[in-house]
Amino acid sequence: MLRYGVKPKEWAVKDVPERAPKYGEVKIQVKYAGICGSDLHMYLGMFDVPGNVVSGHEFSGIISEIGDGVTGFKVGDRVTAEHTFAVCEKCEACRKGNYQLCKERVSVGFDVDGGFAEYVIVSGKYVHLLPDSISLAEGAMTEPLACALHAVELIAPKAAQKVLVVGPGPIGLLTGLCFKAYNCLVDIIGTPADRLRLDKAVQVGINVINTPEDSSYDIVADCSGSEKGIDAGLKAIKAGGRYLQVGIAGKPVTINFDALLYKEISIQGTYCHNYPTWERALAMEKMGLIDLKPIISEEIALDQWENAIERLMKQEAIKILVRF
C-alpha cells in the first residue's frame, strides 16, 4: 500500500493488515488506480488531511467480498466506486442529493484508506458496475470524468456555444471533451510547459489556441487553478457570460473583481460529483461519446510511484495509472 504520513512528501509503500468489510461495505481487489492532481497536492502538503492513510481515490477492480446489508452486487463484479465513504445524511445538502457538499463527508483516499493498495473497502452505496464495453483501466478514469461532467452540467451549456478551457491537464482535457459532447465549440489554452498536454488536446479533437480574444467566449472554464489562468479567463469571457471554476488553486489568489461587475459575469463553483453524475459518466463512456483511452499516458507498478509523481509535477505525463 502507498501510504502518506503527517509531513509533506512523507509517503512510503508499506504493508498494512487487511480487514473484512463491515455492514454496508464492499471490498474491492484493485486493478487500476489513477494518480490525481489532488494526490500531488497532498504529497506537497497543500491539503489539510489526516496522516497515515492510504491514498488513491480513482480506481477500479473486482469485488472480492461483500458485507451484510449490501444488495445489487456479487463477488467477481467489475466495478468502480466513488470516494465518498460516509456522510451525515441529515443536512440540507445530503437531503437534496448533493452529499458531496456535506460538511461531515468522509472520503476514501483522504480520510480513510484508499485505492493505492491491493484491496480497498468502500461504501456499498457508492459502488458502480462497469459495463462490459468499458475496460478496467478506463473504469479507473470514471472519477475524474465524473468531476468534469458534474462541472459542465452545472453550467448547462447549449449547442454551438463558444467555450474556452484554461489549463490542459487531465481535468481540463476531460472538461473540454464533456463540452464537446454537448456540441459546444471548444478552445483550450495552456503554457509553454503544457506542450505535451496541448498536443494531446489536438489528438482528442480540442482546438488549441495561443491567445484568446478578449470578451469572445460564452463560457470559460478554468481548470488551471492559477492566478494567471483565472485572469486570462475573466478577460476572455463575454459580457453576460458564465465562468466556471474547476481547478483547485490551493492558496488565495487575487482577481479583478470589477470584471465580474462590468461584464455581469455569472460565476459557478464546482466540487466533486454525486451518484447520478457517475451513472451518466459511465453511460457516456459506454455510448462512445467520450473516449478515455487517449488520456491515459501509461501504466506503472506501485514501486514506481515516486518517479511517476515527479514526472507528473514536471508535466511530463497526463494520467498515469498504477496497475495491480
C-alpha atoms as a PDB file:
ATOM      1  CA  MET A   1       0.000   0.000   0.000  1.00  0.00           C
ATOM      2  CA  LEU A   2       1.131   3.562  -0.715  1.00  0.00           C
ATOM      3  CA  ARG A   3       0.559   5.478   2.486  1.00  0.00           C
ATOM      4  CA  TYR A   4       1.119   9.142   3.244  1.00  0.00           C
ATOM      5  CA  GLY A   5       2.403  10.383   6.578  1.00  0.00           C
ATOM      6  CA  VAL A   6       1.927  13.590   8.509  1.00  0.00           C
ATOM      7  CA  LYS A   7       4.577  15.676   6.710  1.00  0.00           C
ATOM      8  CA  PRO A   8       4.931  16.782   3.048  1.00  0.00           C
ATOM      9  CA  LYS A   9       6.451  14.083   0.813  1.00  0.00           C
ATOM     10  CA  GLU A  10       6.340  11.599   3.718  1.00  0.00           C
ATOM     11  CA  TRP A  11       4.960   8.822   1.526  1.00  0.00           C
ATOM     12  CA  ALA A  12       6.089   5.196   1.522  1.00  0.00           C
ATOM     13  CA  VAL A  13       4.996   1.740   0.398  1.00  0.00           C
ATOM     14  CA  LYS A  14       4.075  -0.261   3.484  1.00  0.00           C
ATOM     15  CA  ASP A  15       2.364  -3.498   4.417  1.00  0.00           C
ATOM     16  CA  VAL A  16      -0.966  -2.847   6.130  1.00  0.00           C
ATOM     17  CA  PRO A  17      -3.218  -5.575   7.569  1.00  0.00           C
ATOM     18  CA  GLU A  18      -6.325  -6.338   5.529  1.00  0.00           C
ATOM     19  CA  ARG A  19      -9.745  -6.178   7.099  1.00  0.00           C
ATOM     20  CA  ALA A  20     -13.098  -7.638   6.189  1.00  0.00           C
ATOM     21  CA  PRO A  21     -15.926  -5.361   5.070  1.00  0.00           C
ATOM     22  CA  LYS A  22     -18.367  -4.315   7.759  1.00  0.00           C
ATOM     23  CA  TYR A  23     -22.124  -3.867   7.377  1.00  0.00           C
ATOM     24  CA  GLY A  24     -22.894  -1.889   4.222  1.00  0.00           C
ATOM     25  CA  GLU A  25     -19.328  -2.113   2.892  1.00  0.00           C
ATOM     26  CA  VAL A  26     -17.753  -3.700  -0.188  1.00  0.00           C
ATOM     27  CA  LYS A  27     -14.183  -4.941  -0.527  1.00  0.00           C
ATOM     28  CA  ILE A  28     -12.641  -4.428  -3.957  1.00  0.00           C
ATOM     29  CA  GLN A  29      -9.499  -6.059  -5.312  1.00  0.00           C
ATOM     30  CA  VAL A  30      -7.922  -3.051  -7.011  1.00  0.00           C
ATOM     31  CA  LYS A  31      -6.773  -3.460 -10.605  1.00  0.00           C
ATOM     32  CA  TYR A  32      -6.011   0.161 -11.527  1.00  0.00           C
ATOM     33  CA  ALA A  33      -5.643   3.385  -9.567  1.00  0.00           C
ATOM     34  CA  GLY A  34      -5.030   6.791 -11.119  1.00  0.00           C
ATOM     35  CA  ILE A  35      -2.713   9.466  -9.748  1.00  0.00           C
ATOM     36  CA  CYS A  36      -4.752  12.658  -9.419  1.00  0.00           C
ATOM     37  CA  GLY A  37      -3.739  16.291  -9.091  1.00  0.00           C
ATOM     38  CA  SER A  38      -5.195  16.151  -5.587  1.00  0.00           C
ATOM     39  CA  ASP A  39      -2.696  13.398  -4.776  1.00  0.00           C
ATOM     40  CA  LEU A  40       0.079  15.748  -5.877  1.00  0.00           C
ATOM     41  CA  HIS A  41      -1.346  18.462  -3.617  1.00  0.00           C
ATOM     42  CA  MET A  42      -1.369  16.031  -0.702  1.00  0.00           C
ATOM     43  CA  TYR A  43       2.161  14.911  -1.493  1.00  0.00           C
ATOM     44  CA  LEU A  44       3.307  18.541  -1.289  1.00  0.00           C
ATOM     45  CA  GLY A  45       1.405  19.152   1.951  1.00  0.00           C
ATOM     46  CA  MET A  46      -1.095  21.586   0.415  1.00  0.00           C
ATOM     47  CA  PHE A  47      -4.174  19.831   1.850  1.00  0.00           C
ATOM     48  CA  ASP A  48      -5.117  19.559   5.498  1.00  0.00           C
ATOM     49  CA  VAL A  49      -5.726  15.808   5.724  1.00  0.00           C
ATOM     50  CA  PRO A  50      -5.066  13.237   8.450  1.00  0.00           C
ATOM     51  CA  GLY A  51      -1.779  11.374   8.247  1.00  0.00           C
ATOM     52  CA  ASN A  52      -1.095   7.660   7.891  1.00  0.00           C
ATOM     53  CA  VAL A  53      -3.851   6.984   5.379  1.00  0.00           C
ATOM     54  CA  VAL A  54      -3.535   5.026   2.147  1.00  0.00           C
ATOM     55  CA  SER A  55      -4.021   7.498  -0.691  1.00  0.00           C
ATOM     56  CA  GLY A  56      -5.749   6.981  -4.037  1.00  0.00           C
ATOM     57  CA  HIS A  57      -9.347   7.813  -4.947  1.00  0.00           C
ATOM     58  CA  GLU A  58      -9.536   6.996  -8.683  1.00  0.00           C
ATOM     59  CA  PHE A  59      -9.721   3.212  -9.007  1.00  0.00           C
ATOM     60  CA  SER A  60     -11.410   0.162 -10.462  1.00  0.00           C
ATOM     61  CA  GLY A  61     -11.328  -3.515  -9.644  1.00  0.00           C
ATOM     62  CA  ILE A  62     -13.155  -6.739  -8.871  1.00  0.00           C
ATOM     63  CA  ILE A  63     -15.448  -7.241  -5.881  1.00  0.00           C
ATOM     64  CA  SER A  64     -13.779  -9.775  -3.591  1.00  0.00           C
ATOM     65  CA  GLU A  65     -16.075  -9.642  -0.559  1.00  0.00           C
ATOM     66  CA  ILE A  66     -19.430  -8.091   0.330  1.00  0.00           C
ATOM     67  CA  GLY A  67     -20.571  -7.030   3.777  1.00  0.00           C
ATOM     68  CA  ASP A  68     -24.029  -7.657   5.204  1.00  0.00           C
ATOM     69  CA  GLY A  69     -26.736  -5.272   4.057  1.00  0.00           C
ATOM     70  CA  VAL A  70     -25.342  -4.733   0.539  1.00  0.00           C
ATOM     71  CA  THR A  71     -27.525  -5.762  -2.388  1.00  0.00           C
ATOM     72  CA  GLY A  72     -27.227  -5.492  -6.171  1.00  0.00           C
ATOM     73  CA  PHE A  73     -23.652  -6.772  -6.386  1.00  0.00           C
ATOM     74  CA  LYS A  74     -21.852 -10.099  -6.269  1.00  0.00           C
ATOM     75  CA  VAL A  75     -18.288 -11.286  -5.814  1.00  0.00           C
ATOM     76  CA  GLY A  76     -16.499 -11.073  -9.164  1.00  0.00           C
ATOM     77  CA  ASP A  77     -18.313  -7.985 -10.429  1.00  0.00           C
ATOM     78  CA  ARG A  78     -16.172  -5.441 -12.277  1.00  0.00           C
ATOM     79  CA  VAL A  79     -16.721  -2.118 -10.546  1.00  0.00           C
ATOM     80  CA  THR A  80     -15.531   1.354  -9.746  1.00  0.00           C
ATOM     81  CA  ALA A  81     -16.559   3.423  -6.751  1.00  0.00           C
ATOM     82  CA  GLU A  82     -16.971   6.998  -5.638  1.00  0.00           C
ATOM     83  CA  HIS A  83     -14.617   8.249  -2.976  1.00  0.00           C
ATOM     84  CA  THR A  84     -17.487   9.312  -0.739  1.00  0.00           C
ATOM     85  CA  PHE A  85     -17.343   6.857   2.155  1.00  0.00           C
ATOM     86  CA  ALA A  86     -19.823   8.351   4.629  1.00  0.00           C
ATOM     87  CA  VAL A  87     -21.970  11.468   5.037  1.00  0.00           C
ATOM     88  CA  CYS A  88     -24.361  12.667   7.733  1.00  0.00           C
ATOM     89  CA  GLU A  89     -27.486  12.009   5.574  1.00  0.00           C
ATOM     90  CA  LYS A  90     -29.309  14.710   7.559  1.00  0.00           C
ATOM     91  CA  CYS A  91     -28.046  18.093   6.337  1.00  0.00           C
ATOM     92  CA  GLU A  92     -29.691  20.093   3.547  1.00  0.00           C
ATOM     93  CA  ALA A  93     -27.002  19.083   1.030  1.00  0.00           C
ATOM     94  CA  CYS A  94     -27.490  15.377   1.762  1.00  0.00           C
ATOM     95  CA  ARG A  95     -31.265  15.627   1.598  1.00  0.00           C
ATOM     96  CA  LYS A  96     -31.039  17.296  -1.822  1.00  0.00           C
ATOM     97  CA  GLY A  97     -28.715  14.585  -3.135  1.00  0.00           C
ATOM     98  CA  ASN A  98     -25.667  16.840  -3.098  1.00  0.00           C
ATOM     99  CA  TYR A  99     -23.933  14.755  -0.459  1.00  0.00           C
ATOM    100  CA  GLN A 100     -20.530  15.721  -1.834  1.00  0.00           C
ATOM    101  CA  LEU A 101     -21.101  19.071  -0.087  1.00  0.00           C
ATOM    102  CA  CYS A 102     -21.833  17.524   3.321  1.00  0.00           C
ATOM    103  CA  LYS A 103     -19.608  19.096   5.982  1.00  0.00           C
ATOM    104  CA  GLU A 104     -19.261  15.707   7.672  1.00  0.00           C
ATOM    105  CA  ARG A 105     -18.308  13.853   4.496  1.00  0.00           C
ATOM    106  CA  VAL A 106     -15.630  11.169   4.900  1.00  0.00           C
ATOM    107  CA  SER A 107     -13.641  10.463   1.743  1.00  0.00           C
ATOM    108  CA  VAL A 108     -11.763   7.376   0.524  1.00  0.00           C
ATOM    109  CA  GLY A 109      -8.102   8.147  -0.076  1.00  0.00           C
ATOM    110  CA  PHE A 110      -8.258  11.308   2.009  1.00  0.00           C
ATOM    111  CA  ASP A 111      -9.835  10.442   5.359  1.00  0.00           C
ATOM    112  CA  VAL A 112      -9.868   6.645   5.162  1.00  0.00           C
ATOM    113  CA  ASP A 113      -7.661   4.172   3.281  1.00  0.00           C
ATOM    114  CA  GLY A 114      -7.883   4.469  -0.485  1.00  0.00           C
ATOM    115  CA  GLY A 115      -7.066   2.738  -3.737  1.00  0.00           C
ATOM    116  CA  PHE A 116      -3.267   2.666  -3.929  1.00  0.00           C
ATOM    117  CA  ALA A 117      -3.423  -0.827  -2.462  1.00  0.00           C
ATOM    118  CA  GLU A 118      -4.239  -4.377  -3.418  1.00  0.00           C
ATOM    119  CA  TYR A 119      -7.634  -4.018  -1.743  1.00  0.00           C
ATOM    120  CA  VAL A 120      -9.854  -1.080  -0.841  1.00  0.00           C
ATOM    121  CA  ILE A 121     -13.032  -1.046   1.240  1.00  0.00           C
ATOM    122  CA  VAL A 122     -15.798   1.318   0.160  1.00  0.00           C
ATOM    123  CA  SER A 123     -19.406   2.041   0.991  1.00  0.00           C
ATOM    124  CA  GLY A 124     -21.804  -0.156  -0.943  1.00  0.00           C
ATOM    125  CA  LYS A 125     -23.969   2.928  -1.577  1.00  0.00           C
ATOM    126  CA  TYR A 126     -21.427   4.418  -3.937  1.00  0.00           C
ATOM    127  CA  VAL A 127     -20.267   1.405  -5.973  1.00  0.00           C
ATOM    128  CA  HIS A 128     -20.918   1.389  -9.741  1.00  0.00           C
ATOM    129  CA  LEU A 129     -20.923  -1.614 -12.075  1.00  0.00           C
ATOM    130  CA  LEU A 130     -18.720  -1.267 -15.143  1.00  0.00           C
ATOM    131  CA  PRO A 131     -20.416  -2.034 -18.469  1.00  0.00           C
ATOM    132  CA  ASP A 132     -18.734  -4.872 -20.373  1.00  0.00           C
ATOM    133  CA  SER A 133     -17.515  -2.425 -23.032  1.00  0.00           C
ATOM    134  CA  ILE A 134     -15.517  -0.372 -20.510  1.00  0.00           C
ATOM    135  CA  SER A 135     -12.100  -1.727 -19.581  1.00  0.00           C
ATOM    136  CA  LEU A 136     -10.854  -1.710 -16.008  1.00  0.00           C
ATOM    137  CA  ALA A 137      -8.255   0.899 -16.973  1.00  0.00           C
ATOM    138  CA  GLU A 138     -10.980   3.161 -18.343  1.00  0.00           C
ATOM    139  CA  GLY A 139     -13.077   2.380 -15.266  1.00  0.00           C
ATOM    140  CA  ALA A 140     -10.412   3.926 -13.066  1.00  0.00           C
ATOM    141  CA  MET A 141     -10.838   7.120 -15.100  1.00  0.00           C
ATOM    142  CA  THR A 142     -14.524   7.418 -14.280  1.00  0.00           C
ATOM    143  CA  GLU A 143     -13.880   9.526 -11.166  1.00  0.00           C
ATOM    144  CA  PRO A 144     -12.116  12.400 -12.980  1.00  0.00           C
ATOM    145  CA  LEU A 145     -14.658  12.168 -15.803  1.00  0.00           C
ATOM    146  CA  ALA A 146     -17.478  12.459 -13.262  1.00  0.00           C
ATOM    147  CA  CYS A 147     -15.762  15.550 -11.799  1.00  0.00           C
ATOM    148  CA  ALA A 148     -15.582  17.171 -15.215  1.00  0.00           C
ATOM    149  CA  LEU A 149     -19.127  16.181 -16.177  1.00  0.00           C
ATOM    150  CA  HIS A 150     -20.560  17.480 -12.900  1.00  0.00           C
ATOM    151  CA  ALA A 151     -18.850  20.827 -13.534  1.00  0.00           C
ATOM    152  CA  VAL A 152     -20.181  21.080 -17.075  1.00  0.00           C
ATOM    153  CA  GLU A 153     -23.712  20.080 -16.072  1.00  0.00           C
ATOM    154  CA  LEU A 154     -23.793  22.890 -13.508  1.00  0.00           C
ATOM    155  CA  ILE A 155     -23.311  25.366 -16.368  1.00  0.00           C
ATOM    156  CA  ALA A 156     -25.975  23.703 -18.576  1.00  0.00           C
ATOM    157  CA  PRO A 157     -24.266  24.528 -21.904  1.00  0.00           C
ATOM    158  CA  LYS A 158     -26.122  24.833 -25.185  1.00  0.00           C
ATOM    159  CA  ALA A 159     -25.037  23.539 -28.567  1.00  0.00           C
ATOM    160  CA  ALA A 160     -22.777  25.873 -30.579  1.00  0.00           C
ATOM    161  CA  GLN A 161     -21.801  27.971 -27.568  1.00  0.00           C
ATOM    162  CA  LYS A 162     -18.188  29.082 -27.633  1.00  0.00           C
ATOM    163  CA  VAL A 163     -16.191  27.686 -24.701  1.00  0.00           C
ATOM    164  CA  LEU A 164     -12.660  28.364 -23.500  1.00  0.00           C
ATOM    165  CA  VAL A 165     -10.934  25.834 -21.256  1.00  0.00           C
ATOM    166  CA  VAL A 166      -7.921  27.183 -19.372  1.00  0.00           C
ATOM    167  CA  GLY A 167      -5.403  24.505 -18.408  1.00  0.00           C
ATOM    168  CA  PRO A 168      -4.880  21.273 -20.404  1.00  0.00           C
ATOM    169  CA  GLY A 169      -4.275  18.859 -17.529  1.00  0.00           C
ATOM    170  CA  PRO A 170      -6.385  15.697 -17.225  1.00  0.00           C
ATOM    171  CA  ILE A 171      -9.383  17.569 -15.802  1.00  0.00           C
ATOM    172  CA  GLY A 172      -9.040  20.311 -18.407  1.00  0.00           C
ATOM    173  CA  LEU A 173      -8.977  17.765 -21.227  1.00  0.00           C
ATOM    174  CA  LEU A 174     -11.947  15.881 -19.780  1.00  0.00           C
ATOM    175  CA  THR A 175     -13.872  19.126 -19.239  1.00  0.00           C
ATOM    176  CA  GLY A 176     -13.225  20.065 -22.856  1.00  0.00           C
ATOM    177  CA  LEU A 177     -14.422  16.648 -24.019  1.00  0.00           C
ATOM    178  CA  CYS A 178     -17.599  16.993 -21.951  1.00  0.00           C
ATOM    179  CA  PHE A 179     -18.334  20.375 -23.532  1.00  0.00           C
ATOM    180  CA  LYS A 180     -17.718  18.829 -26.951  1.00  0.00           C
ATOM    181  CA  ALA A 181     -20.221  16.087 -26.075  1.00  0.00           C
ATOM    182  CA  TYR A 182     -22.729  18.927 -25.658  1.00  0.00           C
ATOM    183  CA  ASN A 183     -21.783  20.107 -29.180  1.00  0.00           C
ATOM    184  CA  CYS A 184     -20.039  23.245 -27.973  1.00  0.00           C
ATOM    185  CA  LEU A 185     -17.180  24.907 -29.849  1.00  0.00           C
ATOM    186  CA  VAL A 186     -14.217  24.337 -27.540  1.00  0.00           C
ATOM    187  CA  ASP A 187     -10.841  26.084 -27.445  1.00  0.00           C
ATOM    188  CA  ILE A 188      -8.116  25.329 -24.901  1.00  0.00           C
ATOM    189  CA  ILE A 189      -5.041  27.261 -23.771  1.00  0.00           C
ATOM    190  CA  GLY A 190      -2.012  26.412 -21.674  1.00  0.00           C
ATOM    191  CA  THR A 191       1.559  27.485 -21.076  1.00  0.00           C
ATOM    192  CA  PRO A 192       4.783  26.517 -22.899  1.00  0.00           C
ATOM    193  CA  ALA A 193       5.289  23.866 -20.191  1.00  0.00           C
ATOM    194  CA  ASP A 194       1.997  22.250 -21.321  1.00  0.00           C
ATOM    195  CA  ARG A 195       3.292  21.262 -24.769  1.00  0.00           C
ATOM    196  CA  LEU A 196       2.706  17.528 -24.244  1.00  0.00           C
ATOM    197  CA  ARG A 197      -0.791  18.147 -22.907  1.00  0.00           C
ATOM    198  CA  LEU A 198      -1.700  20.592 -25.662  1.00  0.00           C
ATOM    199  CA  ASP A 199      -0.563  18.029 -28.233  1.00  0.00           C
ATOM    200  CA  LYS A 200      -2.915  15.562 -26.548  1.00  0.00           C
ATOM    201  CA  ALA A 201      -5.736  18.109 -26.785  1.00  0.00           C
ATOM    202  CA  VAL A 202      -5.233  18.257 -30.550  1.00  0.00           C
ATOM    203  CA  GLN A 203      -5.240  14.449 -30.683  1.00  0.00           C
ATOM    204  CA  VAL A 204      -8.634  14.237 -28.942  1.00  0.00           C
ATOM    205  CA  GLY A 205     -10.167  16.961 -31.108  1.00  0.00           C
ATOM    206  CA  ILE A 206      -9.963  20.058 -28.914  1.00  0.00           C
ATOM    207  CA  ASN A 207      -8.804  23.239 -30.671  1.00  0.00           C
ATOM    208  CA  VAL A 208      -5.589  24.676 -29.204  1.00  0.00           C
ATOM    209  CA  ILE A 209      -5.038  28.437 -29.321  1.00  0.00           C
ATOM    210  CA  ASN A 210      -2.206  30.631 -28.103  1.00  0.00           C
ATOM    211  CA  THR A 211      -4.061  33.765 -27.007  1.00  0.00           C
ATOM    212  CA  PRO A 212      -7.845  34.040 -26.608  1.00  0.00           C
ATOM    213  CA  GLU A 213      -9.618  37.079 -27.963  1.00  0.00           C
ATOM    214  CA  ASP A 214     -10.957  39.318 -25.209  1.00  0.00           C
ATOM    215  CA  SER A 215     -14.697  39.168 -24.440  1.00  0.00           C
ATOM    216  CA  SER A 216     -15.363  36.451 -27.028  1.00  0.00           C
ATOM    217  CA  TYR A 217     -16.500  33.336 -25.107  1.00  0.00           C
ATOM    218  CA  ASP A 218     -19.939  32.390 -23.815  1.00  0.00           C
ATOM    219  CA  ILE A 219     -18.378  30.106 -21.193  1.00  0.00           C
ATOM    220  CA  VAL A 220     -14.920  29.970 -19.640  1.00  0.00           C
ATOM    221  CA  ALA A 221     -13.847  27.002 -17.514  1.00  0.00           C
ATOM    222  CA  ASP A 222     -10.641  27.490 -15.548  1.00  0.00           C
ATOM    223  CA  CYS A 223      -9.028  24.127 -14.888  1.00  0.00           C
ATOM    224  CA  SER A 224      -5.607  25.513 -14.011  1.00  0.00           C
ATOM    225  CA  GLY A 225      -6.270  26.956 -10.562  1.00  0.00           C
ATOM    226  CA  SER A 226      -3.590  29.559 -11.333  1.00  0.00           C
ATOM    227  CA  GLU A 227      -3.981  33.286 -10.836  1.00  0.00           C
ATOM    228  CA  LYS A 228      -2.806  33.992 -14.396  1.00  0.00           C
ATOM    229  CA  GLY A 229      -5.196  31.392 -15.794  1.00  0.00           C
ATOM    230  CA  ILE A 230      -8.148  32.829 -13.904  1.00  0.00           C
ATOM    231  CA  ASP A 231      -7.260  36.349 -15.037  1.00  0.00           C
ATOM    232  CA  ALA A 232      -6.996  35.209 -18.650  1.00  0.00           C
ATOM    233  CA  GLY A 233     -10.403  33.557 -18.378  1.00  0.00           C
ATOM    234  CA  LEU A 234     -12.083  36.665 -16.983  1.00  0.00           C
ATOM    235  CA  LYS A 235     -10.692  38.729 -19.857  1.00  0.00           C
ATOM    236  CA  ALA A 236     -11.831  36.209 -22.451  1.00  0.00           C
ATOM    237  CA  ILE A 237     -15.439  35.884 -21.316  1.00  0.00           C
ATOM    238  CA  LYS A 238     -18.274  37.797 -22.969  1.00  0.00           C
ATOM    239  CA  ALA A 239     -20.494  40.297 -21.200  1.00  0.00           C
ATOM    240  CA  GLY A 240     -23.189  38.220 -19.546  1.00  0.00           C
ATOM    241  CA  GLY A 241     -21.076  35.080 -19.892  1.00  0.00           C
ATOM    242  CA  ARG A 242     -20.673  32.235 -17.435  1.00  0.00           C
ATOM    243  CA  TYR A 243     -17.426  31.469 -15.642  1.00  0.00           C
ATOM    244  CA  LEU A 244     -16.758  28.010 -14.203  1.00  0.00           C
ATOM    245  CA  GLN A 245     -14.030  27.406 -11.625  1.00  0.00           C
ATOM    246  CA  VAL A 246     -12.932  23.787 -11.873  1.00  0.00           C
ATOM    247  CA  GLY A 247      -9.247  23.885 -10.906  1.00  0.00           C
ATOM    248  CA  ILE A 248      -8.115  23.996  -7.288  1.00  0.00           C
ATOM    249  CA  ALA A 249      -5.830  26.935  -6.555  1.00  0.00           C
ATOM    250  CA  GLY A 250      -4.608  25.538  -3.244  1.00  0.00           C
ATOM    251  CA  LYS A 251      -3.917  29.062  -1.998  1.00  0.00           C
ATOM    252  CA  PRO A 252      -5.545  32.519  -2.067  1.00  0.00           C
ATOM    253  CA  VAL A 253      -5.472  34.247  -5.456  1.00  0.00           C
ATOM    254  CA  THR A 254      -6.112  37.847  -6.475  1.00  0.00           C
ATOM    255  CA  ILE A 255      -8.617  38.533  -9.247  1.00  0.00           C
ATOM    256  CA  ASN A 256     -10.044  41.635 -10.898  1.00  0.00           C
ATOM    257  CA  PHE A 257     -13.448  41.596  -9.222  1.00  0.00           C
ATOM    258  CA  ASP A 258     -14.615  44.597 -11.246  1.00  0.00           C
ATOM    259  CA  ALA A 259     -14.545  42.388 -14.336  1.00  0.00           C
ATOM    260  CA  LEU A 260     -17.457  40.474 -12.828  1.00  0.00           C
ATOM    261  CA  LEU A 261     -19.356  43.694 -12.234  1.00  0.00           C
ATOM    262  CA  TYR A 262     -18.843  45.435 -15.569  1.00  0.00           C
ATOM    263  CA  LYS A 263     -19.482  42.292 -17.630  1.00  0.00           C
ATOM    264  CA  GLU A 264     -22.272  40.925 -15.426  1.00  0.00           C
ATOM    265  CA  ILE A 265     -20.458  37.588 -15.312  1.00  0.00           C
ATOM    266  CA  SER A 266     -22.064  34.665 -13.510  1.00  0.00           C
ATOM    267  CA  ILE A 267     -19.593  32.551 -11.524  1.00  0.00           C
ATOM    268  CA  GLN A 268     -20.135  28.858 -10.833  1.00  0.00           C
ATOM    269  CA  GLY A 269     -18.016  26.803  -8.499  1.00  0.00           C
ATOM    270  CA  THR A 270     -17.934  23.019  -8.718  1.00  0.00           C
ATOM    271  CA  TYR A 271     -16.912  20.329  -6.286  1.00  0.00           C
ATOM    272  CA  CYS A 272     -16.619  16.618  -6.758  1.00  0.00           C
ATOM    273  CA  HIS A 273     -19.644  14.636  -8.043  1.00  0.00           C
ATOM    274  CA  ASN A 274     -22.621  12.543  -6.986  1.00  0.00           C
ATOM    275  CA  TYR A 275     -24.267   9.234  -7.891  1.00  0.00           C
ATOM    276  CA  PRO A 276     -26.345  10.428 -10.886  1.00  0.00           C
ATOM    277  CA  THR A 277     -23.283  12.113 -12.393  1.00  0.00           C
ATOM    278  CA  TRP A 278     -21.302   8.873 -12.137  1.00  0.00           C
ATOM    279  CA  GLU A 279     -24.044   6.920 -13.877  1.00  0.00           C
ATOM    280  CA  ARG A 280     -24.188   9.489 -16.689  1.00  0.00           C
ATOM    281  CA  ALA A 281     -20.392   9.460 -16.986  1.00  0.00           C
ATOM    282  CA  LEU A 282     -20.423   5.671 -17.380  1.00  0.00           C
ATOM    283  CA  ALA A 283     -23.252   5.952 -19.913  1.00  0.00           C
ATOM    284  CA  MET A 284     -21.256   8.478 -21.952  1.00  0.00           C
ATOM    285  CA  GLU A 285     -18.283   6.105 -21.934  1.00  0.00           C
ATOM    286  CA  LYS A 286     -20.494   3.194 -22.989  1.00  0.00           C
ATOM    287  CA  MET A 287     -22.123   5.216 -25.791  1.00  0.00           C
ATOM    288  CA  GLY A 288     -18.745   6.283 -27.119  1.00  0.00           C
ATOM    289  CA  LEU A 289     -19.424   9.984 -26.555  1.00  0.00           C
ATOM    290  CA  ILE A 290     -16.146  10.262 -24.646  1.00  0.00           C
ATOM    291  CA  ASP A 291     -13.064   8.104 -25.209  1.00  0.00           C
ATOM    292  CA  LEU A 292     -10.862   7.975 -22.118  1.00  0.00           C
ATOM    293  CA  LYS A 293      -8.097   5.814 -23.571  1.00  0.00           C
ATOM    294  CA  PRO A 294      -6.066   8.684 -25.101  1.00  0.00           C
ATOM    295  CA  ILE A 295      -5.928  10.465 -21.728  1.00  0.00           C
ATOM    296  CA  ILE A 296      -4.022   7.555 -20.150  1.00  0.00           C
ATOM    297  CA  SER A 297      -0.279   8.150 -20.564  1.00  0.00           C
ATOM    298  CA  GLU A 298       0.952   4.848 -19.171  1.00  0.00           C
ATOM    299  CA  GLU A 299       0.555   2.121 -16.565  1.00  0.00           C
ATOM    300  CA  ILE A 300       3.138   1.550 -13.831  1.00  0.00           C
ATOM    301  CA  ALA A 301       3.811  -0.797 -10.916  1.00  0.00           C
ATOM    302  CA  LEU A 302       3.297   0.567  -7.413  1.00  0.00           C
ATOM    303  CA  ASP A 303       7.030   0.661  -6.683  1.00  0.00           C
ATOM    304  CA  GLN A 304       7.418   3.252  -9.463  1.00  0.00           C
ATOM    305  CA  TRP A 305       5.136   5.744  -7.703  1.00  0.00           C
ATOM    306  CA  GLU A 306       7.810   8.278  -6.768  1.00  0.00           C
ATOM    307  CA  ASN A 307       9.126   8.669 -10.292  1.00  0.00           C
ATOM    308  CA  ALA A 308       5.557   8.948 -11.581  1.00  0.00           C
ATOM    309  CA  ILE A 309       4.714  11.760  -9.161  1.00  0.00           C
ATOM    310  CA  GLU A 310       7.865  13.674 -10.063  1.00  0.00           C
ATOM    311  CA  ARG A 311       7.073  13.334 -13.784  1.00  0.00           C
ATOM    312  CA  LEU A 312       3.516  14.498 -13.281  1.00  0.00           C
ATOM    313  CA  MET A 313       4.671  17.545 -11.340  1.00  0.00           C
ATOM    314  CA  LYS A 314       7.009  18.348 -14.257  1.00  0.00           C
ATOM    315  CA  GLN A 315       4.032  17.894 -16.642  1.00  0.00           C
ATOM    316  CA  GLU A 316       5.823  15.102 -18.472  1.00  0.00           C
ATOM    317  CA  ALA A 317       2.727  12.899 -18.440  1.00  0.00           C
ATOM    318  CA  ILE A 318      -1.047  13.334 -18.371  1.00  0.00           C
ATOM    319  CA  LYS A 319      -2.698  10.484 -16.473  1.00  0.00           C
ATOM    320  CA  ILE A 320      -0.612   7.673 -15.001  1.00  0.00           C
ATOM    321  CA  LEU A 321      -2.378   4.575 -13.723  1.00  0.00           C
ATOM    322  CA  VAL A 322      -0.911   2.285 -11.066  1.00  0.00           C
ATOM    323  CA  ARG A 323      -1.589  -1.297 -12.165  1.00  0.00           C
ATOM    324  CA  PHE A 324      -2.095  -4.026  -9.562  1.00  0.00           C
END
